Amino acid sequence: MGIGASVLRGLYVTAQTARPGHESTPPMSVLSVNDAVLLVDENDQPLRTMQKIPAHEQGLLHRAFSAYVFQSQAGVPHLLLQKRAVTKYHFGGLWTNTCCGHPLEGETPAQAGMRRLPQEMNFNTALRAVGTFTYRAQSENGLIEHELDHVLIGEFNDPLPAPNPAEADDMRWISLEALDRELAQQPEQYTPWFALGLAIARRHV
């Protein structure tokens, strides 16, 4: 899959591969901007925790996860996208993978994903880790994402509930073929980490 130059601008990347239910979430963010992230070295070894906003102001490397939830429609894999709420602290209003977040200290990326998925998207499903990548990208408001990102994948085949409006303005299923066209034609409509994680996730679908 080709990744547009505007998606890669300002990023550096390393990559390596390595029955659902509905939940009810109130229309509020359950992840405060003051919550801590886990700072790590380039080998994903923990260093210390730090409040989220100062870590993003300084662009410090921290552990994260990106979950990609799929569904087969007539034998064709479809990915569930979310459109980040415009009120998010960075990269608001952009399309991205099903769910993103930061593991708590002592929590595996898969555990973090299964904690955050019902908080953001109002459903849960099993997730498994399939690889990692590292990237750095600056938002328009000056905050810097610098993450060692664990890619998680899962499957969901039930009707979708509405997402938590504090987290996502919209969501939709899309085939990988149609998604590739959108990424080639309008890469600026997607978060900078999305295509990087997708390249790993799609190898395991």
N, C-alpha and C. Protein backbone atom coordinates (compact mmCIF):
# COMPACT_ATOMS: atom_id res chain seq x y z
N MET A 1 0.85 -1.19 0.00
CA MET A 1 0.00 0.00 0.00
C MET A 1 0.88 1.23 0.00
N GLY A 2 0.63 2.16 -0.91
CA GLY A 2 1.37 3.40 -0.92
C GLY A 2 0.86 4.35 0.13
N ILE A 3 1.79 5.07 0.79
CA ILE A 3 1.43 6.07 1.78
C ILE A 3 1.81 7.42 1.23
N GLY A 4 0.85 8.36 1.20
CA GLY A 4 1.09 9.66 0.62
C GLY A 4 2.20 10.41 1.31
N ALA A 5 2.91 11.27 0.56
CA ALA A 5 4.02 12.01 1.13
C ALA A 5 3.58 12.90 2.27
N SER A 6 2.37 13.46 2.17
CA SER A 6 1.91 14.35 3.23
C SER A 6 1.64 13.60 4.51
N VAL A 7 1.35 12.29 4.42
CA VAL A 7 1.17 11.49 5.63
C VAL A 7 2.51 11.26 6.31
N LEU A 8 3.56 11.02 5.50
CA LEU A 8 4.85 10.68 6.06
C LEU A 8 5.64 11.90 6.48
N ARG A 9 5.26 13.08 6.02
CA ARG A 9 6.04 14.28 6.33
C ARG A 9 6.12 14.48 7.83
N GLY A 10 7.34 14.65 8.33
CA GLY A 10 7.53 14.91 9.74
C GLY A 10 7.51 13.65 10.59
N LEU A 11 7.50 12.46 9.98
CA LEU A 11 7.46 11.22 10.74
C LEU A 11 8.74 10.44 10.51
N TYR A 12 9.13 9.64 11.52
CA TYR A 12 10.09 8.59 11.24
C TYR A 12 9.47 7.31 11.74
N VAL A 13 9.77 6.20 11.07
CA VAL A 13 9.01 4.98 11.31
C VAL A 13 9.95 3.79 11.46
N THR A 14 9.69 2.93 12.45
CA THR A 14 10.25 1.60 12.49
C THR A 14 9.09 0.67 12.74
N ALA A 15 9.10 -0.51 12.14
CA ALA A 15 7.97 -1.43 12.31
C ALA A 15 8.46 -2.85 12.45
N GLN A 16 7.73 -3.65 13.24
CA GLN A 16 8.04 -5.07 13.36
C GLN A 16 6.74 -5.81 13.64
N THR A 17 6.64 -7.04 13.08
CA THR A 17 5.42 -7.79 13.30
C THR A 17 5.51 -8.66 14.56
N ALA A 18 5.27 -8.83 14.92
CA ALA A 18 5.21 -9.65 16.12
C ALA A 18 4.02 -10.71 16.01
N ARG A 19 -17.50 -13.68 22.12
CA ARG A 19 -18.48 -12.97 21.30
C ARG A 19 -18.80 -11.65 21.98
N PRO A 20 -18.27 -10.54 20.98
CA PRO A 20 -18.35 -9.18 21.45
C PRO A 20 -19.64 -8.85 22.15
N GLY A 21 -19.63 -7.74 22.92
CA GLY A 21 -20.82 -7.25 23.58
C GLY A 21 -20.85 -5.75 23.56
N HIS A 22 -21.98 -5.20 23.80
CA HIS A 22 -22.13 -3.76 23.82
C HIS A 22 -21.94 -3.24 25.24
N GLU A 23 -21.43 -2.03 25.34
CA GLU A 23 -21.25 -1.37 26.61
C GLU A 23 -21.98 -0.03 26.57
N SER A 24 -22.28 0.49 27.73
CA SER A 24 -22.93 1.79 27.82
C SER A 24 -21.96 2.79 28.42
N THR A 25 -21.68 3.87 27.70
CA THR A 25 -20.75 4.88 28.14
C THR A 25 -21.43 6.23 28.17
N PRO A 26 -21.31 7.01 29.24
CA PRO A 26 -21.91 8.34 29.28
C PRO A 26 -21.22 9.26 28.29
N PRO A 27 -21.92 10.31 27.84
CA PRO A 27 -21.34 11.21 26.85
C PRO A 27 -20.32 12.15 27.47
N MET A 28 -19.23 11.58 27.96
CA MET A 28 -18.15 12.38 28.52
C MET A 28 -16.87 11.60 28.33
N SER A 29 -15.74 12.31 28.27
CA SER A 29 -14.48 11.63 28.13
C SER A 29 -14.08 11.03 29.46
N VAL A 30 -13.71 9.75 29.44
CA VAL A 30 -13.29 9.08 30.66
C VAL A 30 -11.77 9.10 30.79
N LEU A 31 -11.10 9.72 29.84
CA LEU A 31 -9.65 9.84 29.91
C LEU A 31 -9.29 11.31 30.00
N SER A 32 -8.90 11.74 31.17
CA SER A 32 -8.57 13.15 31.39
C SER A 32 -7.28 13.50 30.68
N VAL A 33 -7.17 14.76 30.24
CA VAL A 33 -5.94 15.22 29.62
C VAL A 33 -4.81 15.25 30.64
N ASN A 34 -5.11 15.12 31.92
CA ASN A 34 -4.08 15.11 32.95
C ASN A 34 -3.62 13.70 33.29
N ASP A 35 -4.21 12.67 32.68
CA ASP A 35 -3.80 11.31 32.97
C ASP A 35 -2.36 11.07 32.54
N ALA A 36 -1.73 10.09 33.17
CA ALA A 36 -0.32 9.84 32.93
C ALA A 36 -0.11 8.92 31.74
N VAL A 37 1.02 9.09 31.05
CA VAL A 37 1.48 8.15 30.04
C VAL A 37 2.79 7.54 30.54
N LEU A 38 3.16 6.41 29.96
CA LEU A 38 4.37 5.72 30.37
C LEU A 38 5.48 6.03 29.38
N LEU A 39 6.49 6.77 29.83
CA LEU A 39 7.64 7.06 28.98
C LEU A 39 8.49 5.80 28.84
N VAL A 40 8.98 5.57 27.60
CA VAL A 40 9.78 4.38 27.31
C VAL A 40 10.99 4.77 26.49
N ASP A 41 11.98 3.84 26.42
CA ASP A 41 13.10 4.04 25.51
C ASP A 41 12.77 3.43 24.17
N GLU A 42 13.73 3.45 23.24
CA GLU A 42 13.45 2.97 21.88
C GLU A 42 13.21 1.47 21.83
N ASN A 43 13.51 0.75 22.90
CA ASN A 43 13.24 -0.68 22.99
C ASN A 43 11.98 -0.98 23.78
N ASP A 44 11.18 0.03 24.05
CA ASP A 44 9.92 -0.08 24.79
C ASP A 44 10.14 -0.45 26.26
N GLN A 45 11.30 -0.13 26.78
CA GLN A 45 11.55 -0.37 28.20
C GLN A 45 11.06 0.84 29.00
N PRO A 46 10.24 0.62 30.04
CA PRO A 46 9.67 1.73 30.81
C PRO A 46 10.74 2.57 31.49
N LEU A 47 10.53 3.87 31.48
CA LEU A 47 11.41 4.82 32.17
C LEU A 47 10.72 5.42 33.39
N ARG A 48 9.59 6.09 33.15
CA ARG A 48 8.82 6.69 34.24
C ARG A 48 7.48 7.13 33.68
N THR A 49 6.55 7.47 34.54
CA THR A 49 5.27 8.03 34.09
C THR A 49 5.36 9.56 34.09
N MET A 50 4.47 10.17 33.30
CA MET A 50 4.43 11.62 33.19
C MET A 50 3.03 12.02 32.77
N GLN A 51 2.56 13.17 33.23
CA GLN A 51 1.25 13.62 32.80
C GLN A 51 1.21 13.78 31.28
N LYS A 52 0.04 13.49 30.72
CA LYS A 52 -0.09 13.37 29.27
C LYS A 52 0.25 14.66 28.53
N ILE A 53 -0.30 15.78 28.95
CA ILE A 53 -0.08 17.02 28.20
C ILE A 53 1.37 17.46 28.23
N PRO A 54 2.04 17.52 29.39
CA PRO A 54 3.47 17.86 29.36
C PRO A 54 4.31 16.92 28.49
N ALA A 55 3.97 15.62 28.50
CA ALA A 55 4.71 14.68 27.65
C ALA A 55 4.53 15.00 26.18
N HIS A 56 3.33 15.43 25.79
CA HIS A 56 3.07 15.78 24.39
C HIS A 56 3.61 17.17 24.06
N GLU A 57 3.68 18.05 25.01
CA GLU A 57 4.31 19.35 24.76
C GLU A 57 5.79 19.19 24.48
N GLN A 58 6.43 18.25 25.17
CA GLN A 58 7.87 18.04 25.01
C GLN A 58 8.21 16.99 23.96
N GLY A 59 7.21 16.30 23.45
CA GLY A 59 7.44 15.29 22.42
C GLY A 59 8.24 14.10 22.91
N LEU A 60 7.99 13.66 24.14
CA LEU A 60 8.73 12.56 24.73
C LEU A 60 8.14 11.22 24.29
N LEU A 61 9.00 10.26 24.02
CA LEU A 61 8.57 8.95 23.56
C LEU A 61 7.80 8.23 24.66
N HIS A 62 6.60 7.74 24.32
CA HIS A 62 5.78 7.03 25.30
C HIS A 62 5.05 5.88 24.62
N ARG A 63 4.57 4.96 25.44
CA ARG A 63 3.90 3.75 24.95
C ARG A 63 2.45 4.05 24.59
N ALA A 64 1.99 3.47 23.50
CA ALA A 64 0.61 3.67 23.05
C ALA A 64 0.11 2.40 22.38
N PHE A 65 -1.17 2.40 22.06
CA PHE A 65 -1.73 1.31 21.25
C PHE A 65 -2.67 1.90 20.23
N SER A 66 -2.82 1.19 19.12
CA SER A 66 -3.81 1.53 18.09
C SER A 66 -4.55 0.25 17.73
N ALA A 67 -5.87 0.23 17.96
CA ALA A 67 -6.69 -0.95 17.69
C ALA A 67 -7.39 -0.82 16.34
N TYR A 68 -7.37 -1.90 15.59
CA TYR A 68 -8.01 -1.99 14.28
C TYR A 68 -9.00 -3.15 14.33
N VAL A 69 -10.29 -2.84 14.31
CA VAL A 69 -11.33 -3.86 14.41
C VAL A 69 -11.94 -4.08 13.03
N PHE A 70 -11.99 -5.36 12.63
CA PHE A 70 -12.43 -5.74 11.29
C PHE A 70 -13.74 -6.51 11.34
N GLN A 71 -14.37 -6.57 10.18
CA GLN A 71 -15.58 -7.36 9.97
C GLN A 71 -15.54 -7.87 8.53
N SER A 72 -15.93 -9.13 8.32
CA SER A 72 -16.01 -9.67 6.97
C SER A 72 -17.41 -9.43 6.43
N GLN A 73 -17.50 -8.76 5.28
CA GLN A 73 -18.78 -8.52 4.61
C GLN A 73 -18.72 -9.17 3.24
N ALA A 74 -19.49 -10.26 3.07
CA ALA A 74 -19.48 -11.04 1.83
C ALA A 74 -18.07 -11.51 1.50
N GLY A 75 -17.32 -11.88 2.54
CA GLY A 75 -15.98 -12.39 2.35
C GLY A 75 -14.92 -11.33 2.16
N VAL A 76 -15.30 -10.07 2.24
CA VAL A 76 -14.36 -8.96 2.04
C VAL A 76 -14.09 -8.27 3.38
N PRO A 77 -12.83 -8.17 3.80
CA PRO A 77 -12.54 -7.52 5.08
C PRO A 77 -12.87 -6.02 5.05
N HIS A 78 -13.56 -5.57 6.08
CA HIS A 78 -13.85 -4.15 6.27
C HIS A 78 -13.30 -3.71 7.61
N LEU A 79 -12.78 -2.50 7.65
CA LEU A 79 -12.23 -1.93 8.87
C LEU A 79 -13.19 -0.89 9.44
N LEU A 80 -13.35 -0.89 10.75
CA LEU A 80 -14.17 0.11 11.41
C LEU A 80 -13.33 1.35 11.71
N LEU A 81 -13.67 2.45 11.06
CA LEU A 81 -13.01 3.73 11.28
C LEU A 81 -13.79 4.56 12.29
N GLN A 82 -13.10 5.40 13.02
CA GLN A 82 -13.77 6.43 13.81
C GLN A 82 -13.26 7.80 13.37
N LYS A 83 -14.14 8.78 13.44
CA LYS A 83 -13.76 10.17 13.20
C LYS A 83 -13.58 10.83 14.56
N ARG A 84 -12.37 11.23 14.86
CA ARG A 84 -12.07 11.78 16.18
C ARG A 84 -12.91 13.03 16.43
N ALA A 85 -13.43 13.14 17.64
CA ALA A 85 -14.23 14.32 17.99
C ALA A 85 -13.40 15.58 17.77
N VAL A 86 -14.05 16.62 17.27
CA VAL A 86 -13.33 17.87 17.02
C VAL A 86 -12.82 18.49 18.31
N THR A 87 -13.37 18.08 19.43
CA THR A 87 -12.95 18.61 20.73
C THR A 87 -11.75 17.88 21.32
N LYS A 88 -11.22 16.85 20.64
CA LYS A 88 -10.06 16.13 21.15
C LYS A 88 -8.87 17.08 21.28
N TYR A 89 -7.95 16.75 22.18
CA TYR A 89 -6.85 17.67 22.48
C TYR A 89 -5.85 17.80 21.33
N HIS A 90 -5.86 16.87 20.39
CA HIS A 90 -5.07 17.03 19.17
C HIS A 90 -5.63 16.14 18.07
N PHE A 91 -5.37 16.52 16.84
CA PHE A 91 -5.81 15.79 15.65
C PHE A 91 -7.33 15.54 15.65
N GLY A 92 -8.08 16.48 16.21
CA GLY A 92 -9.53 16.36 16.21
C GLY A 92 -10.11 16.49 14.81
N GLY A 93 -11.23 15.78 14.57
CA GLY A 93 -11.92 15.87 13.29
C GLY A 93 -11.34 15.01 12.20
N LEU A 94 -10.29 14.23 12.48
CA LEU A 94 -9.68 13.38 11.47
C LEU A 94 -10.15 11.94 11.62
N TRP A 95 -10.19 11.23 10.49
CA TRP A 95 -10.50 9.80 10.52
C TRP A 95 -9.30 9.02 11.00
N THR A 96 -9.55 7.92 11.68
CA THR A 96 -8.46 7.11 12.21
C THR A 96 -8.95 5.69 12.46
N ASN A 97 -8.10 4.89 13.09
CA ASN A 97 -8.45 3.51 13.39
C ASN A 97 -9.51 3.45 14.48
N THR A 98 -9.96 2.25 14.80
CA THR A 98 -11.14 2.07 15.65
C THR A 98 -10.99 2.68 17.03
N CYS A 99 -9.80 2.58 17.60
CA CYS A 99 -9.60 3.05 18.97
C CYS A 99 -8.11 3.24 19.21
N CYS A 100 -7.75 4.27 19.97
CA CYS A 100 -6.36 4.54 20.32
C CYS A 100 -6.27 4.85 21.81
N GLY A 101 -5.06 4.76 22.34
CA GLY A 101 -4.91 5.14 23.73
C GLY A 101 -3.53 4.82 24.27
N HIS A 102 -3.40 4.95 25.59
CA HIS A 102 -2.13 4.75 26.27
C HIS A 102 -2.30 3.72 27.39
N PRO A 103 -1.50 2.67 27.40
CA PRO A 103 -1.57 1.72 28.51
C PRO A 103 -1.20 2.38 29.83
N LEU A 104 -1.89 1.98 30.88
CA LEU A 104 -1.52 2.40 32.21
C LEU A 104 -0.28 1.62 32.67
N GLU A 105 0.40 2.14 33.67
CA GLU A 105 1.55 1.42 34.20
C GLU A 105 1.11 0.03 34.69
N GLY A 106 1.80 -1.02 34.26
CA GLY A 106 1.46 -2.38 34.64
C GLY A 106 0.40 -3.03 33.78
N GLU A 107 -0.09 -2.34 32.76
CA GLU A 107 -1.15 -2.83 31.88
C GLU A 107 -0.56 -3.16 30.52
N THR A 108 -0.91 -4.32 29.95
CA THR A 108 -0.43 -4.65 28.61
C THR A 108 -1.19 -3.81 27.58
N PRO A 109 -0.62 -3.63 26.38
CA PRO A 109 -1.35 -2.91 25.33
C PRO A 109 -2.71 -3.53 25.03
N ALA A 110 -2.80 -4.87 24.97
CA ALA A 110 -4.09 -5.51 24.68
C ALA A 110 -5.10 -5.23 25.80
N GLN A 111 -4.66 -5.28 27.05
CA GLN A 111 -5.55 -4.95 28.17
C GLN A 111 -6.03 -3.51 28.07
N ALA A 112 -5.12 -2.62 27.71
CA ALA A 112 -5.49 -1.20 27.56
C ALA A 112 -6.51 -1.02 26.44
N GLY A 113 -6.30 -1.73 25.32
CA GLY A 113 -7.24 -1.63 24.22
C GLY A 113 -8.63 -2.10 24.59
N MET A 114 -8.70 -3.21 25.33
CA MET A 114 -10.01 -3.74 25.72
C MET A 114 -10.65 -2.90 26.83
N ARG A 115 -9.87 -2.11 27.53
CA ARG A 115 -10.42 -1.14 28.48
C ARG A 115 -10.99 0.07 27.75
N ARG A 116 -10.23 0.56 26.77
CA ARG A 116 -10.61 1.79 26.10
C ARG A 116 -11.70 1.61 25.04
N LEU A 117 -11.74 0.44 24.38
CA LEU A 117 -12.69 0.24 23.29
C LEU A 117 -14.13 0.52 23.71
N PRO A 118 -14.64 -0.03 24.82
CA PRO A 118 -16.02 0.30 25.20
C PRO A 118 -16.17 1.74 25.67
N GLN A 119 -15.11 2.35 26.17
CA GLN A 119 -15.18 3.75 26.59
C GLN A 119 -15.33 4.69 25.39
N GLU A 120 -14.69 4.34 24.28
CA GLU A 120 -14.75 5.18 23.08
C GLU A 120 -15.91 4.79 22.16
N MET A 121 -16.07 3.48 21.93
CA MET A 121 -16.95 3.02 20.86
C MET A 121 -18.18 2.27 21.35
N ASN A 122 -18.31 2.08 22.68
CA ASN A 122 -19.51 1.47 23.28
C ASN A 122 -19.72 0.01 22.92
N PHE A 123 -18.65 -0.70 22.56
CA PHE A 123 -18.73 -2.16 22.42
C PHE A 123 -17.38 -2.73 22.82
N ASN A 124 -17.36 -4.03 23.06
CA ASN A 124 -16.08 -4.67 23.36
C ASN A 124 -15.89 -5.91 22.52
N THR A 125 -14.63 -6.29 22.35
CA THR A 125 -14.27 -7.51 21.64
C THR A 125 -12.83 -7.84 22.01
N ALA A 126 -12.44 -9.08 21.79
CA ALA A 126 -11.07 -9.48 22.09
C ALA A 126 -10.10 -8.82 21.12
N LEU A 127 -8.95 -8.40 21.64
CA LEU A 127 -7.91 -7.78 20.83
C LEU A 127 -6.60 -8.51 21.06
N ARG A 128 -5.80 -8.59 20.00
CA ARG A 128 -4.47 -9.20 20.15
C ARG A 128 -3.42 -8.32 19.48
N ALA A 129 -2.21 -8.34 20.04
CA ALA A 129 -1.11 -7.53 19.53
C ALA A 129 -0.44 -8.24 18.36
N VAL A 130 -0.13 -7.46 17.31
CA VAL A 130 0.48 -8.05 16.11
C VAL A 130 1.74 -7.33 15.65
N GLY A 131 2.14 -6.27 16.31
CA GLY A 131 3.35 -5.56 15.89
C GLY A 131 3.46 -4.19 16.51
N THR A 132 4.56 -3.51 16.25
CA THR A 132 4.77 -2.16 16.77
C THR A 132 5.37 -1.27 15.69
N PHE A 133 5.23 0.03 15.88
CA PHE A 133 5.93 1.01 15.06
C PHE A 133 6.17 2.25 15.91
N THR A 134 7.11 3.06 15.50
CA THR A 134 7.42 4.30 16.21
C THR A 134 7.25 5.47 15.24
N TYR A 135 6.64 6.53 15.69
CA TYR A 135 6.45 7.70 14.84
C TYR A 135 6.49 8.97 15.68
N ARG A 136 6.67 10.08 15.00
CA ARG A 136 6.65 11.40 15.63
C ARG A 136 5.89 12.34 14.69
N ALA A 137 4.91 13.06 15.22
CA ALA A 137 4.11 13.96 14.39
C ALA A 137 3.61 15.12 15.25
N GLN A 138 3.62 16.31 14.69
CA GLN A 138 3.18 17.50 15.42
C GLN A 138 1.79 17.93 14.95
N SER A 139 0.91 18.18 15.91
CA SER A 139 -0.43 18.65 15.61
C SER A 139 -0.41 20.15 15.35
N GLU A 140 -1.51 20.66 14.77
CA GLU A 140 -1.60 22.08 14.47
C GLU A 140 -1.52 22.95 15.72
N ASN A 141 -1.91 22.39 16.88
CA ASN A 141 -1.86 23.17 18.10
C ASN A 141 -0.50 23.09 18.81
N GLY A 142 0.47 22.44 18.15
CA GLY A 142 1.82 22.39 18.69
C GLY A 142 2.14 21.16 19.50
N LEU A 143 1.12 20.38 19.91
CA LEU A 143 1.39 19.16 20.66
C LEU A 143 2.03 18.12 19.75
N ILE A 144 2.96 17.35 20.32
CA ILE A 144 3.73 16.39 19.55
C ILE A 144 3.42 14.98 20.01
N GLU A 145 2.95 14.15 19.07
CA GLU A 145 2.81 12.73 19.33
C GLU A 145 4.14 12.05 19.00
N HIS A 146 4.72 11.40 19.97
CA HIS A 146 5.95 10.64 19.78
C HIS A 146 5.74 9.32 20.50
N GLU A 147 5.32 8.32 19.75
CA GLU A 147 4.82 7.09 20.36
C GLU A 147 5.53 5.85 19.84
N LEU A 148 5.72 4.91 20.74
CA LEU A 148 6.01 3.54 20.37
C LEU A 148 4.66 2.84 20.45
N ASP A 149 4.10 2.59 19.29
CA ASP A 149 2.68 2.24 19.17
C ASP A 149 2.52 0.73 18.92
N HIS A 150 1.73 0.08 19.78
CA HIS A 150 1.43 -1.33 19.64
C HIS A 150 0.15 -1.50 18.82
N VAL A 151 0.23 -2.24 17.73
CA VAL A 151 -0.92 -2.47 16.85
C VAL A 151 -1.71 -3.66 17.38
N LEU A 152 -3.02 -3.44 17.59
CA LEU A 152 -3.94 -4.48 18.04
C LEU A 152 -4.98 -4.72 16.96
N ILE A 153 -5.42 -5.97 16.82
CA ILE A 153 -6.51 -6.26 15.89
C ILE A 153 -7.58 -7.08 16.59
N GLY A 154 -8.81 -6.96 16.08
CA GLY A 154 -9.94 -7.71 16.60
C GLY A 154 -11.02 -7.81 15.55
N GLU A 155 -12.12 -8.46 15.91
CA GLU A 155 -13.23 -8.67 14.98
C GLU A 155 -14.54 -8.37 15.72
N PHE A 156 -15.47 -7.74 15.01
CA PHE A 156 -16.78 -7.44 15.59
C PHE A 156 -17.83 -7.61 14.51
N ASN A 157 -18.85 -8.43 14.77
CA ASN A 157 -19.84 -8.75 13.75
C ASN A 157 -21.27 -8.40 14.15
N ASP A 158 -21.47 -7.74 15.27
CA ASP A 158 -22.80 -7.36 15.72
C ASP A 158 -23.15 -5.95 15.22
N PRO A 159 -24.43 -5.55 15.31
CA PRO A 159 -24.79 -4.16 14.99
C PRO A 159 -24.04 -3.19 15.90
N LEU A 160 -23.64 -2.06 15.35
CA LEU A 160 -22.85 -1.10 16.10
C LEU A 160 -23.74 -0.17 16.91
N PRO A 161 -23.38 0.09 18.17
CA PRO A 161 -24.03 1.17 18.92
C PRO A 161 -23.42 2.51 18.51
N ALA A 162 -24.00 3.59 18.96
CA ALA A 162 -23.41 4.91 18.70
C ALA A 162 -22.15 5.05 19.55
N PRO A 163 -21.11 5.72 19.03
CA PRO A 163 -19.90 5.90 19.82
C PRO A 163 -20.09 6.97 20.89
N ASN A 164 -19.17 7.02 21.82
CA ASN A 164 -19.16 8.07 22.84
C ASN A 164 -18.90 9.41 22.15
N PRO A 165 -19.82 10.37 22.19
CA PRO A 165 -19.65 11.63 21.45
C PRO A 165 -18.49 12.48 21.94
N ALA A 166 -18.01 12.23 23.15
CA ALA A 166 -16.84 12.96 23.63
C ALA A 166 -15.56 12.45 22.98
N GLU A 167 -15.63 11.27 22.37
CA GLU A 167 -14.45 10.66 21.77
C GLU A 167 -14.51 10.64 20.24
N ALA A 168 -15.68 10.36 19.68
CA ALA A 168 -15.81 10.18 18.23
C ALA A 168 -17.05 10.88 17.71
N ASP A 169 -16.90 11.63 16.62
CA ASP A 169 -18.03 12.29 15.98
C ASP A 169 -18.77 11.37 15.02
N ASP A 170 -18.10 10.32 14.54
CA ASP A 170 -18.72 9.43 13.55
C ASP A 170 -17.91 8.14 13.49
N MET A 171 -18.47 7.14 12.83
CA MET A 171 -17.76 5.89 12.58
C MET A 171 -18.35 5.25 11.33
N ARG A 172 -17.59 4.37 10.68
CA ARG A 172 -18.08 3.70 9.47
C ARG A 172 -17.19 2.50 9.16
N TRP A 173 -17.82 1.51 8.52
CA TRP A 173 -17.08 0.39 7.97
C TRP A 173 -16.61 0.75 6.57
N ILE A 174 -15.39 0.31 6.21
CA ILE A 174 -14.88 0.57 4.87
C ILE A 174 -14.01 -0.61 4.44
N SER A 175 -14.13 -1.00 3.17
CA SER A 175 -13.29 -2.07 2.65
C SER A 175 -11.85 -1.57 2.53
N LEU A 176 -10.90 -2.47 2.58
CA LEU A 176 -9.50 -2.07 2.47
C LEU A 176 -9.21 -1.47 1.09
N GLU A 177 -9.88 -1.98 0.07
CA GLU A 177 -9.68 -1.42 -1.28
C GLU A 177 -10.15 0.03 -1.34
N ALA A 178 -11.33 0.30 -0.81
CA ALA A 178 -11.83 1.68 -0.80
C ALA A 178 -10.98 2.57 0.10
N LEU A 179 -10.49 2.01 1.20
CA LEU A 179 -9.64 2.76 2.12
C LEU A 179 -8.33 3.16 1.45
N ASP A 180 -7.74 2.25 0.69
CA ASP A 180 -6.51 2.58 -0.03
C ASP A 180 -6.73 3.75 -0.98
N ARG A 181 -7.87 3.78 -1.65
CA ARG A 181 -8.16 4.90 -2.56
C ARG A 181 -8.26 6.21 -1.78
N GLU A 182 -8.96 6.17 -0.65
CA GLU A 182 -9.10 7.39 0.15
C GLU A 182 -7.75 7.89 0.65
N LEU A 183 -6.91 6.97 1.12
CA LEU A 183 -5.60 7.37 1.63
C LEU A 183 -4.74 7.97 0.54
N ALA A 184 -4.87 7.46 -0.69
CA ALA A 184 -4.10 8.00 -1.81
C ALA A 184 -4.62 9.36 -2.24
N GLN A 185 -5.94 9.56 -2.16
CA GLN A 185 -6.54 10.79 -2.65
C GLN A 185 -6.65 11.88 -1.60
N GLN A 186 -6.89 11.50 -0.34
CA GLN A 186 -7.09 12.50 0.72
C GLN A 186 -6.37 12.09 2.00
N PRO A 187 -5.06 11.96 1.96
CA PRO A 187 -4.34 11.53 3.16
C PRO A 187 -4.47 12.50 4.32
N GLU A 188 -4.73 13.78 4.01
CA GLU A 188 -4.85 14.79 5.06
C GLU A 188 -6.10 14.61 5.91
N GLN A 189 -7.02 13.76 5.48
CA GLN A 189 -8.23 13.50 6.26
C GLN A 189 -8.01 12.45 7.34
N TYR A 190 -6.81 11.88 7.42
CA TYR A 190 -6.51 10.81 8.36
C TYR A 190 -5.40 11.23 9.32
N THR A 191 -5.40 10.64 10.50
CA THR A 191 -4.35 10.91 11.48
C THR A 191 -3.01 10.39 10.95
N PRO A 192 -1.90 10.99 11.41
CA PRO A 192 -0.60 10.61 10.86
C PRO A 192 -0.15 9.20 11.20
N TRP A 193 -0.68 8.63 12.28
CA TRP A 193 -0.28 7.26 12.64
C TRP A 193 -1.13 6.18 11.95
N PHE A 194 -2.26 6.57 11.40
CA PHE A 194 -3.23 5.58 10.94
C PHE A 194 -2.67 4.61 9.89
N ALA A 195 -2.12 5.15 8.81
CA ALA A 195 -1.63 4.30 7.72
C ALA A 195 -0.45 3.44 8.16
N LEU A 196 0.33 3.93 9.10
CA LEU A 196 1.49 3.18 9.58
C LEU A 196 1.05 1.92 10.32
N GLY A 197 0.05 2.06 11.19
CA GLY A 197 -0.48 0.90 11.89
C GLY A 197 -1.26 -0.02 10.96
N LEU A 198 -1.96 0.56 10.00
CA LEU A 198 -2.74 -0.23 9.06
C LEU A 198 -1.84 -1.18 8.27
N ALA A 199 -0.65 -0.71 7.89
CA ALA A 199 0.26 -1.54 7.12
C ALA A 199 0.62 -2.82 7.89
N ILE A 200 0.67 -2.73 9.20
CA ILE A 200 0.94 -3.92 10.03
C ILE A 200 -0.32 -4.74 10.21
N ALA A 201 -1.44 -4.07 10.57
CA ALA A 201 -2.67 -4.79 10.88
C ALA A 201 -3.18 -5.62 9.71
N ARG A 202 -3.11 -5.08 8.51
CA ARG A 202 -3.71 -5.76 7.36
C ARG A 202 -2.98 -7.06 7.02
N ARG A 203 -1.75 -7.22 7.45
CA ARG A 203 -1.03 -8.47 7.19
C ARG A 203 -1.55 -9.63 8.03
N HIS A 204 -2.39 -9.32 9.00
CA HIS A 204 -2.88 -10.35 9.92
C HIS A 204 -4.39 -10.57 9.80
N VAL A 205 -4.99 -10.03 8.76
CA VAL A 205 -6.44 -10.16 8.56
C VAL A 205 -6.71 -11.27 7.55
